[in-house]
């Protein structure tokens, strides 16, 4: 299950900015579009795709990943085929909408859902391992894209990506994936019901952050119906309840900042660092450094989130992003691009694990697809805005620096806010009725 989740994360690449970055300049040259027009197409299409993610999350909660994953993977493969045949702005809007919703959004959501269903005590570490699929994608896919584009052109490269998605995900998911451990006579973490007394709860299951209160062992028995038993209705928040919690919005602020700033930097990576004399090959090659650093921080963050409050880990990621942007603004020479990439990788690795698993740790398991759908929607909507400020700055003043200073402010504000995002307490029945909860 963990391998399938990691594969889904890896093959979300066609919809991720680090993959699209290799296509920007070749497609601009061939299609005759201005950089701002191209970025606005990316933004609007991503906004549309992001609005669909809460619906996808509810579908996964209802039908399970075993049904939804093959459908999404097949659709993403077809979306890549569409991208290979784009001839103008309208086709670009449609293609971007599909790859962003299906790739960046839906596949990542499904992978996180699988980890949430199959792990509890070791959820953070499992999320870290799953996120390695994402860092491996950052390491491999941009270089592969660059090679294929230079050798065969950008249209054939889209076809290769689409075919790879279908081969790696559709049949393996249909044959091997199972939605939950309970119908197999297991509990999360691969334990049998008799082993339940030996398990402990993740750090964020506690109400006050000082000790692990979690779910009592006797509440977690295998369910013949296949419904999740870790995080029953008494412990799990509905979407409406989660949205009423300040912690949701403070964490969402971090997710939105990471998505907006990271997408803006990645989307224009080649052009931004060119202002400091960094070549295209070095700019794309530095993504390997970023991926290596992200792999390390992903595993460390996954280990830490099983032991400490996620808010502290997320705040650390904001500090790393601040230092990365400062270095980019004052980049002394081309060689420093590796240090910048390493800082950005350390920051991104934390978000790939801690930023994904925090939702189920804070708000429970039963409605995790719907809640993650909301968070992914916020993330994707923020990502839609990311490429626009750098593009406008470049087209209006001939430099990316004004946008970089704007990007510097956002993680500072988000990091301060998330420090106060303590795990919420489930409202009592009386308060739920009084405040209109479902």
Protein backbone atom coordinates (compact mmCIF):
# COMPACT_ATOMS: atom_id res chain seq x y z
CA UNK A 1 0.00 0.00 0.00
CA UNK A 2 2.82 2.37 0.86
CA UNK A 3 4.59 1.59 -2.42
CA UNK A 4 1.41 2.34 -4.38
CA UNK A 5 0.95 5.62 -2.51
CA UNK A 6 4.57 6.58 -3.26
CA UNK A 7 4.07 5.66 -6.93
CA UNK A 8 0.97 7.88 -7.09
CA UNK A 9 2.98 10.75 -5.59
CA UNK A 10 5.80 10.15 -8.07
CA UNK A 11 3.47 10.11 -11.06
CA UNK A 12 1.68 13.29 -10.03
CA UNK A 13 4.62 14.92 -11.88
CA UNK A 14 2.79 15.91 -15.12
CA UNK A 15 0.64 18.28 -13.07
CA UNK A 16 3.43 19.63 -10.89
CA UNK A 17 5.23 22.92 -11.50
CA UNK A 18 8.69 21.33 -11.43
CA UNK A 19 7.69 19.26 -14.46
CA UNK A 20 5.84 22.04 -16.27
CA UNK A 21 8.88 24.34 -15.80
CA UNK A 22 10.80 22.42 -18.46
CA UNK A 23 8.00 23.02 -20.98
CA UNK A 24 7.54 26.77 -20.45
CA UNK A 25 10.15 28.22 -22.80
CA UNK A 26 9.77 25.61 -25.60
CA UNK A 27 5.98 26.00 -25.58
CA UNK A 28 6.22 29.81 -25.50
CA UNK A 29 8.49 29.78 -28.54
CA UNK A 30 6.31 27.34 -30.48
CA UNK A 31 2.88 28.73 -29.57
CA UNK A 32 3.86 32.39 -29.81
CA UNK A 33 2.42 33.36 -26.41
CA UNK A 34 3.71 36.02 -24.02
CA UNK A 35 5.01 34.85 -20.65
CA UNK A 36 2.25 36.68 -18.75
CA UNK A 37 -0.46 35.18 -21.00
CA UNK A 38 0.99 31.72 -20.45
CA UNK A 39 1.12 32.28 -16.66
CA UNK A 40 -2.45 33.60 -16.57
CA UNK A 41 -3.62 30.50 -18.46
CA UNK A 42 -1.85 28.40 -15.84
CA UNK A 43 -3.47 30.44 -13.08
CA UNK A 44 -7.06 30.32 -14.35
CA UNK A 45 -6.87 26.64 -15.26
CA UNK A 46 -5.43 25.85 -11.83
CA UNK A 47 -8.19 27.82 -10.12
CA UNK A 48 -10.80 25.78 -11.95
CA UNK A 49 -9.04 22.51 -11.21
CA UNK A 50 -8.61 23.42 -7.55
CA UNK A 51 -12.32 24.01 -7.10
CA UNK A 52 -12.97 20.39 -8.08
CA UNK A 53 -10.75 18.86 -5.38
CA UNK A 54 -13.27 18.88 -2.50
CA UNK A 55 -15.53 16.85 -4.78
CA UNK A 56 -12.66 14.41 -5.48
CA UNK A 57 -12.00 14.07 -1.75
CA UNK A 58 -15.62 13.14 -1.09
CA UNK A 59 -15.49 10.57 -3.90
CA UNK A 60 -12.43 8.91 -2.34
CA UNK A 61 -14.14 8.81 1.07
CA UNK A 62 -17.19 7.20 -0.50
CA UNK A 63 -15.75 4.79 -3.09
CA UNK A 64 -12.17 4.30 -1.89
CA UNK A 65 -8.83 4.69 -3.60
CA UNK A 66 -9.06 1.29 -5.30
CA UNK A 67 -11.85 2.61 -7.53
CA UNK A 68 -10.84 6.24 -7.85
CA UNK A 69 -7.07 5.90 -8.42
CA UNK A 70 -7.23 3.96 -11.73
CA UNK A 71 -9.84 6.38 -13.05
CA UNK A 72 -7.76 9.43 -12.12
CA UNK A 73 -4.56 7.89 -13.51
CA UNK A 74 -6.20 7.04 -16.83
CA UNK A 75 -7.66 10.54 -17.04
CA UNK A 76 -4.25 12.10 -16.35
CA UNK A 77 -2.70 10.02 -19.11
CA UNK A 78 -5.35 11.28 -21.53
CA UNK A 79 -4.79 14.85 -20.30
CA UNK A 80 -1.10 14.55 -21.19
CA UNK A 81 -2.13 13.40 -24.66
CA UNK A 82 -4.29 16.52 -24.92
CA UNK A 83 -1.32 18.69 -23.92
CA UNK A 84 0.75 17.16 -26.70
CA UNK A 85 -1.79 18.43 -29.23
CA UNK A 86 -2.24 21.98 -27.92
CA UNK A 87 -2.09 24.62 -30.66
CA UNK A 88 -3.37 27.76 -28.94
CA UNK A 89 -4.51 29.48 -25.78
CA UNK A 90 -7.90 27.72 -25.49
CA UNK A 91 -6.39 24.26 -25.66
CA UNK A 92 -3.75 25.34 -23.15
CA UNK A 93 -6.44 26.41 -20.66
CA UNK A 94 -8.20 23.05 -20.96
CA UNK A 95 -4.97 21.06 -20.72
CA UNK A 96 -3.67 22.93 -17.70
CA UNK A 97 -7.02 22.50 -15.93
CA UNK A 98 -6.87 18.73 -16.38
CA UNK A 99 -3.24 18.14 -15.45
CA UNK A 100 -3.37 20.40 -12.39
CA UNK A 101 -6.57 18.90 -10.99
CA UNK A 102 -5.67 15.29 -11.79
CA UNK A 103 -1.93 15.38 -11.20
CA UNK A 104 -0.98 17.92 -8.58
CA UNK A 105 -4.35 17.69 -6.85
CA UNK A 106 -6.08 14.34 -7.11
CA UNK A 107 -3.13 11.92 -7.18
CA UNK A 108 -1.48 13.63 -4.22
CA UNK A 109 -4.75 13.59 -2.30
CA UNK A 110 -5.28 9.89 -2.99
CA UNK A 111 -1.74 9.01 -1.90
CA UNK A 112 -2.23 10.86 1.39
CA UNK A 113 -5.60 9.14 1.86
CA UNK A 114 -3.99 5.69 1.49
CA UNK A 115 -1.35 6.52 4.10
CA UNK A 116 -4.01 7.86 6.45
CA UNK A 117 -6.08 4.69 6.20
CA UNK A 118 -3.22 2.20 6.56
CA UNK A 119 -1.12 3.88 9.27
CA UNK A 120 -1.74 5.41 12.67
CA UNK A 121 1.14 5.20 15.17
CA UNK A 122 3.68 5.28 12.32
CA UNK A 123 1.68 7.64 10.15
CA UNK A 124 4.34 10.36 10.06
CA UNK A 125 7.11 7.98 9.08
CA UNK A 126 4.90 6.36 6.45
CA UNK A 127 4.06 9.81 5.07
CA UNK A 128 7.77 10.59 4.92
CA UNK A 129 8.47 7.43 2.94
CA UNK A 130 5.52 8.13 0.65
CA UNK A 131 6.78 11.67 0.09
CA UNK A 132 10.11 10.27 -1.11
CA UNK A 133 8.14 9.39 -4.24
CA UNK A 134 7.60 13.11 -4.69
CA UNK A 135 11.23 14.03 -4.10
CA UNK A 136 12.34 11.29 -6.48
CA UNK A 137 9.98 12.81 -9.02
CA UNK A 138 11.65 16.21 -8.58
CA UNK A 139 15.03 14.55 -9.04
CA UNK A 140 14.15 12.54 -12.15
CA UNK A 141 11.30 14.12 -14.08
CA UNK A 142 12.73 17.60 -14.87
CA UNK A 143 15.94 16.06 -16.20
CA UNK A 144 13.97 13.48 -18.18
CA UNK A 145 11.72 16.20 -19.58
CA UNK A 146 14.69 18.33 -20.60
CA UNK A 147 16.36 15.39 -22.34
CA UNK A 148 13.20 14.33 -24.16
CA UNK A 149 12.33 17.90 -25.19
CA UNK A 150 15.79 18.48 -26.62
CA UNK A 151 15.78 15.09 -28.37
CA UNK A 152 12.18 14.70 -29.56
CA UNK A 153 10.31 17.95 -28.85
CA UNK A 154 7.82 18.99 -26.21
CA UNK A 155 4.82 17.34 -27.85
CA UNK A 156 6.29 13.82 -27.79
CA UNK A 157 7.49 14.43 -24.24
CA UNK A 158 3.91 14.97 -23.08
CA UNK A 159 2.96 11.66 -24.73
CA UNK A 160 5.75 9.83 -22.88
CA UNK A 161 4.59 11.26 -19.55
CA UNK A 162 0.99 10.24 -20.20
CA UNK A 163 1.90 6.69 -21.14
CA UNK A 164 4.13 6.33 -18.08
CA UNK A 165 1.32 7.41 -15.74
CA UNK A 166 -1.03 4.78 -17.13
CA UNK A 167 1.55 1.97 -17.05
CA UNK A 168 2.75 2.68 -13.50
CA UNK A 169 -0.61 3.26 -11.81
CA UNK A 170 -3.68 1.81 -13.51
CA UNK A 171 -3.09 -1.95 -13.49
CA UNK A 172 -1.08 -2.10 -10.21
CA UNK A 173 -3.80 -0.14 -8.41
CA UNK A 174 -6.60 -2.27 -9.82
CA UNK A 175 -4.85 -5.52 -8.84
CA UNK A 176 -3.09 -4.73 -5.58
CA UNK A 177 -4.64 -1.74 -3.85
CA UNK A 178 -7.00 -2.20 -0.90
CA UNK A 179 -8.77 0.70 0.74
CA UNK A 180 -8.56 -0.17 4.43
CA UNK A 181 -6.97 -2.81 6.67
CA UNK A 182 -10.13 -3.69 8.64
CA UNK A 183 -11.80 -5.89 5.99
CA UNK A 184 -8.58 -7.93 5.93
CA UNK A 185 -8.71 -8.52 9.69
CA UNK A 186 -5.99 -5.96 10.35
CA UNK A 187 -5.63 -2.62 12.07
CA UNK A 188 -3.58 0.32 10.77
CA UNK A 189 0.22 -0.19 10.94
CA UNK A 190 -0.29 -3.84 9.93
CA UNK A 191 -1.29 -4.92 13.42
CA UNK A 192 -3.82 -7.54 14.38
CA UNK A 193 -6.60 -6.63 16.85
CA UNK A 194 -4.86 -8.56 19.65
CA UNK A 195 -1.78 -6.33 19.22
CA UNK A 196 -3.76 -3.14 19.85
CA UNK A 197 -2.62 -2.76 23.47
CA UNK A 198 0.96 -2.19 22.32
CA UNK A 199 0.31 0.82 20.13
CA UNK A 200 0.42 4.54 20.95
CA UNK A 201 -1.08 7.58 19.29
CA UNK A 202 0.65 10.19 17.16
CA UNK A 203 1.63 13.44 18.82
CA UNK A 204 -1.14 15.44 17.20
CA UNK A 205 -3.90 13.17 18.51
CA UNK A 206 -3.50 14.82 21.87
CA UNK A 207 -5.79 17.64 22.86
CA UNK A 208 -3.28 19.85 24.64
CA UNK A 209 -0.02 18.85 22.97
CA UNK A 210 1.53 17.71 26.27
CA UNK A 211 0.70 14.03 26.17
CA UNK A 212 -0.75 11.42 23.84
CA UNK A 213 -4.39 10.93 24.74
CA UNK A 214 -5.48 9.52 21.37
CA UNK A 215 -8.11 6.84 20.83
CA UNK A 216 -8.66 4.18 23.45
CA UNK A 217 -7.61 0.67 22.31
CA UNK A 218 -11.04 -0.81 22.97
CA UNK A 219 -12.56 1.60 20.45
CA UNK A 220 -10.44 0.24 17.65
CA UNK A 221 -11.58 -3.19 16.57
CA UNK A 222 -11.68 -4.56 13.07
CA UNK A 223 -14.89 -3.63 11.26
CA UNK A 224 -16.52 -6.20 9.07
CA UNK A 225 -18.14 -3.44 7.08
CA UNK A 226 -14.79 -2.00 6.09
CA UNK A 227 -15.49 1.38 7.71
CA UNK A 228 -12.53 3.03 9.41
CA UNK A 229 -12.37 2.32 13.13
CA UNK A 230 -9.43 4.53 14.09
CA UNK A 231 -11.07 7.90 14.42
CA UNK A 232 -14.78 7.22 14.79
CA UNK A 233 -17.41 9.91 14.53
CA UNK A 234 -16.66 10.83 18.17
CA UNK A 235 -13.01 11.58 17.33
CA UNK A 236 -13.21 12.69 13.69
CA UNK A 237 -14.26 16.15 12.57
CA UNK A 238 -16.62 16.75 9.70
CA UNK A 239 -15.62 19.29 7.06
CA UNK A 240 -17.90 21.90 8.60
CA UNK A 241 -16.45 21.33 12.06
CA UNK A 242 -12.89 21.53 10.72
CA UNK A 243 -13.60 24.77 8.88
CA UNK A 244 -14.84 26.31 12.15
CA UNK A 245 -11.47 25.64 13.81
CA UNK A 246 -8.85 28.39 13.72
CA UNK A 247 -6.17 25.68 13.54
CA UNK A 248 -7.47 24.65 10.11
CA UNK A 249 -6.95 28.12 8.70
CA UNK A 250 -3.57 28.63 10.32
CA UNK A 251 -2.29 25.39 8.84
CA UNK A 252 -3.98 26.25 5.54
CA UNK A 253 -2.03 29.52 5.59
CA UNK A 254 1.22 27.57 5.59
CA UNK A 255 0.00 25.26 2.84
CA UNK A 256 -1.18 28.19 0.72
CA UNK A 257 2.09 30.09 1.21
CA UNK A 258 4.20 27.09 0.28
CA UNK A 259 2.10 26.47 -2.78
CA UNK A 260 1.97 30.07 -3.99
CA UNK A 261 5.62 30.91 -3.41
CA UNK A 262 6.97 27.52 -4.42
CA UNK A 263 4.97 27.43 -7.65
CA UNK A 264 6.02 30.95 -8.57
CA UNK A 265 9.69 30.18 -8.00
CA UNK A 266 9.59 26.81 -9.73
CA UNK A 267 7.52 27.92 -12.69
CA UNK A 268 10.00 30.68 -13.59
CA UNK A 269 13.09 28.96 -12.20
CA UNK A 270 15.09 29.00 -15.41
CA UNK A 271 14.36 32.66 -16.13
CA UNK A 272 14.74 33.90 -12.53
CA UNK A 273 18.19 32.46 -11.96
CA UNK A 274 19.26 33.53 -15.46
CA UNK A 275 19.30 37.08 -14.05
CA UNK A 276 22.22 35.92 -11.91
CA UNK A 277 24.08 34.28 -14.78
CA UNK A 278 22.85 30.72 -14.16
CA UNK A 279 22.46 28.61 -17.31
CA UNK A 280 19.32 26.61 -18.20
CA UNK A 281 21.12 23.29 -17.70
CA UNK A 282 22.41 24.33 -14.27
CA UNK A 283 19.01 25.72 -13.28
CA UNK A 284 17.28 22.43 -14.10
CA UNK A 285 20.19 20.39 -12.77
CA UNK A 286 19.95 22.15 -9.41
CA UNK A 287 16.56 20.51 -8.98
CA UNK A 288 18.53 17.33 -8.27
CA UNK A 289 20.11 19.02 -5.26
CA UNK A 290 16.67 20.18 -4.20
CA UNK A 291 15.30 16.65 -4.47
CA UNK A 292 18.19 15.14 -2.50
CA UNK A 293 17.76 17.66 0.32
CA UNK A 294 14.01 17.14 0.27
CA UNK A 295 14.43 13.38 0.61
CA UNK A 296 16.43 13.85 3.80
CA UNK A 297 14.06 16.40 5.34
CA UNK A 298 11.00 14.40 4.29
CA UNK A 299 12.11 11.38 6.29
CA UNK A 300 13.23 13.48 9.26
CA UNK A 301 9.99 15.45 9.33
CA UNK A 302 7.95 12.25 9.06
CA UNK A 303 9.81 10.85 12.06
CA UNK A 304 9.41 14.08 14.05
CA UNK A 305 5.70 14.51 13.43
CA UNK A 306 5.06 11.19 15.22
CA UNK A 307 6.64 12.78 18.31
CA UNK A 308 6.14 16.56 18.35
CA UNK A 309 3.39 18.97 17.41
CA UNK A 310 3.12 19.50 13.65
CA UNK A 311 2.85 23.27 14.10
CA UNK A 312 6.48 23.49 15.21
CA UNK A 313 7.67 21.42 12.26
CA UNK A 314 5.65 23.56 9.85
CA UNK A 315 7.04 26.76 11.37
CA UNK A 316 10.58 25.45 10.75
CA UNK A 317 9.71 24.96 7.08
CA UNK A 318 8.71 28.63 6.85
CA UNK A 319 12.07 29.70 8.29
CA UNK A 320 13.90 27.64 5.69
CA UNK A 321 11.84 29.19 2.90
CA UNK A 322 12.67 32.69 4.14
CA UNK A 323 16.40 31.96 4.02
CA UNK A 324 16.06 30.44 0.54
CA UNK A 325 14.32 33.53 -0.86
CA UNK A 326 16.84 35.87 0.78
CA UNK A 327 19.66 33.93 -0.82
CA UNK A 328 17.95 34.06 -4.21
CA UNK A 329 17.56 37.84 -3.98
CA UNK A 330 21.21 38.38 -3.06
CA UNK A 331 22.70 35.41 -4.96
CA UNK A 332 26.47 36.13 -4.93
CA UNK A 333 27.32 33.93 -7.93
CA UNK A 334 25.97 31.13 -10.10
CA UNK A 335 27.49 28.46 -7.87
CA UNK A 336 25.30 29.49 -4.94
CA UNK A 337 22.27 28.12 -6.79
CA UNK A 338 23.06 24.74 -5.20
CA UNK A 339 22.76 26.20 -1.69
CA UNK A 340 19.49 27.89 -2.64
CA UNK A 341 18.18 24.61 -4.03
CA UNK A 342 19.23 22.74 -0.89
CA UNK A 343 17.37 25.20 1.36
CA UNK A 344 14.29 25.03 -0.83
CA UNK A 345 14.52 21.23 -0.81
CA UNK A 346 14.77 21.04 2.99
CA UNK A 347 11.74 23.30 3.23
CA UNK A 348 9.74 21.38 0.63
CA UNK A 349 10.52 17.99 2.13
CA UNK A 350 8.97 19.04 5.44
CA UNK A 351 5.79 20.11 3.69
CA UNK A 352 5.59 16.90 1.66
CA UNK A 353 5.30 14.81 4.84
CA UNK A 354 4.25 16.98 7.79
CA UNK A 355 2.07 19.25 5.66
CA UNK A 356 0.10 16.29 4.35
CA UNK A 357 -0.35 14.17 7.43
CA UNK A 358 -1.22 17.05 9.78
CA UNK A 359 -4.83 17.07 8.57
CA UNK A 360 -5.68 13.53 9.64
CA UNK A 361 -3.73 13.95 12.89
CA UNK A 362 -5.69 17.10 13.75
CA UNK A 363 -9.13 16.22 12.39
CA UNK A 364 -9.39 12.41 12.31
CA UNK A 365 -9.70 9.64 9.79
CA UNK A 366 -13.35 9.23 8.85
CA UNK A 367 -13.69 12.40 6.76
CA UNK A 368 -10.05 12.78 5.81
CA UNK A 369 -10.68 12.74 2.06
CA UNK A 370 -13.16 15.60 2.23
CA UNK A 371 -11.00 17.65 4.61
CA UNK A 372 -7.87 17.05 2.58
CA UNK A 373 -9.88 17.92 -0.50
CA UNK A 374 -10.55 21.33 1.02
CA UNK A 375 -6.90 21.80 1.95
CA UNK A 376 -5.73 20.63 -1.47
CA UNK A 377 -8.19 23.03 -3.06
CA UNK A 378 -6.67 25.90 -1.08
CA UNK A 379 -3.21 24.72 -2.05
CA UNK A 380 -4.05 24.51 -5.74
CA UNK A 381 -5.84 27.85 -5.74
CA UNK A 382 -2.77 29.45 -4.17
CA UNK A 383 -0.55 27.71 -6.70
CA UNK A 384 -2.63 29.23 -9.46
CA UNK A 385 -1.60 32.70 -8.30
CA UNK A 386 2.08 31.83 -7.87
CA UNK A 387 3.38 32.29 -11.44
CA UNK A 388 1.62 35.64 -11.96
CA UNK A 389 3.58 38.06 -9.68
CA UNK A 390 7.00 37.07 -11.13
CA UNK A 391 5.62 37.25 -14.68
CA UNK A 392 4.11 40.69 -14.09
CA UNK A 393 7.29 41.97 -12.44
CA UNK A 394 9.38 40.70 -15.35
CA UNK A 395 7.09 42.13 -18.03
CA UNK A 396 6.52 45.49 -16.29
CA UNK A 397 9.90 46.36 -14.77
CA UNK A 398 12.22 43.86 -16.42
CA UNK A 399 13.21 42.12 -13.16
CA UNK A 400 11.81 39.47 -10.83
CA UNK A 401 13.07 41.19 -7.67
CA UNK A 402 9.82 42.99 -6.66
CA UNK A 403 7.96 39.67 -6.70
CA UNK A 404 10.70 38.00 -4.65
CA UNK A 405 10.36 40.63 -1.91
CA UNK A 406 6.62 40.00 -1.86
CA UNK A 407 7.28 36.27 -1.60
CA UNK A 408 9.55 36.93 1.39
CA UNK A 409 6.75 38.44 3.49
CA UNK A 410 4.30 35.56 3.12
CA UNK A 411 6.24 32.76 4.89
CA UNK A 412 7.11 35.12 7.74
CA UNK A 413 3.41 35.80 8.41
CA UNK A 414 2.39 32.16 7.96
CA UNK A 415 5.16 30.89 10.24
CA UNK A 416 4.12 33.20 13.06
CA UNK A 417 0.44 32.25 12.72
CA UNK A 418 0.95 28.47 12.65
CA UNK A 419 2.84 28.46 15.97
CA UNK A 420 -0.50 29.04 17.72
CA UNK A 421 -2.33 26.27 15.80
CA UNK A 422 -2.88 23.86 18.70
CA UNK A 423 -4.74 20.60 17.96
CA UNK A 424 -8.49 21.26 18.29
CA UNK A 425 -10.85 19.57 20.69
CA UNK A 426 -13.91 17.82 19.31
CA UNK A 427 -17.07 19.78 20.23
CA UNK A 428 -19.46 18.08 22.62
CA UNK A 429 -22.90 17.03 21.38
CA UNK A 430 -24.47 20.02 23.16
CA UNK A 431 -22.08 22.52 21.55
CA UNK A 432 -22.44 20.87 18.11
CA UNK A 433 -26.21 21.30 18.26
CA UNK A 434 -25.96 24.81 19.65
CA UNK A 435 -23.53 25.96 16.94
CA UNK A 436 -25.21 24.20 14.04
CA UNK A 437 -22.64 21.41 13.45
CA UNK A 438 -23.64 18.37 11.44
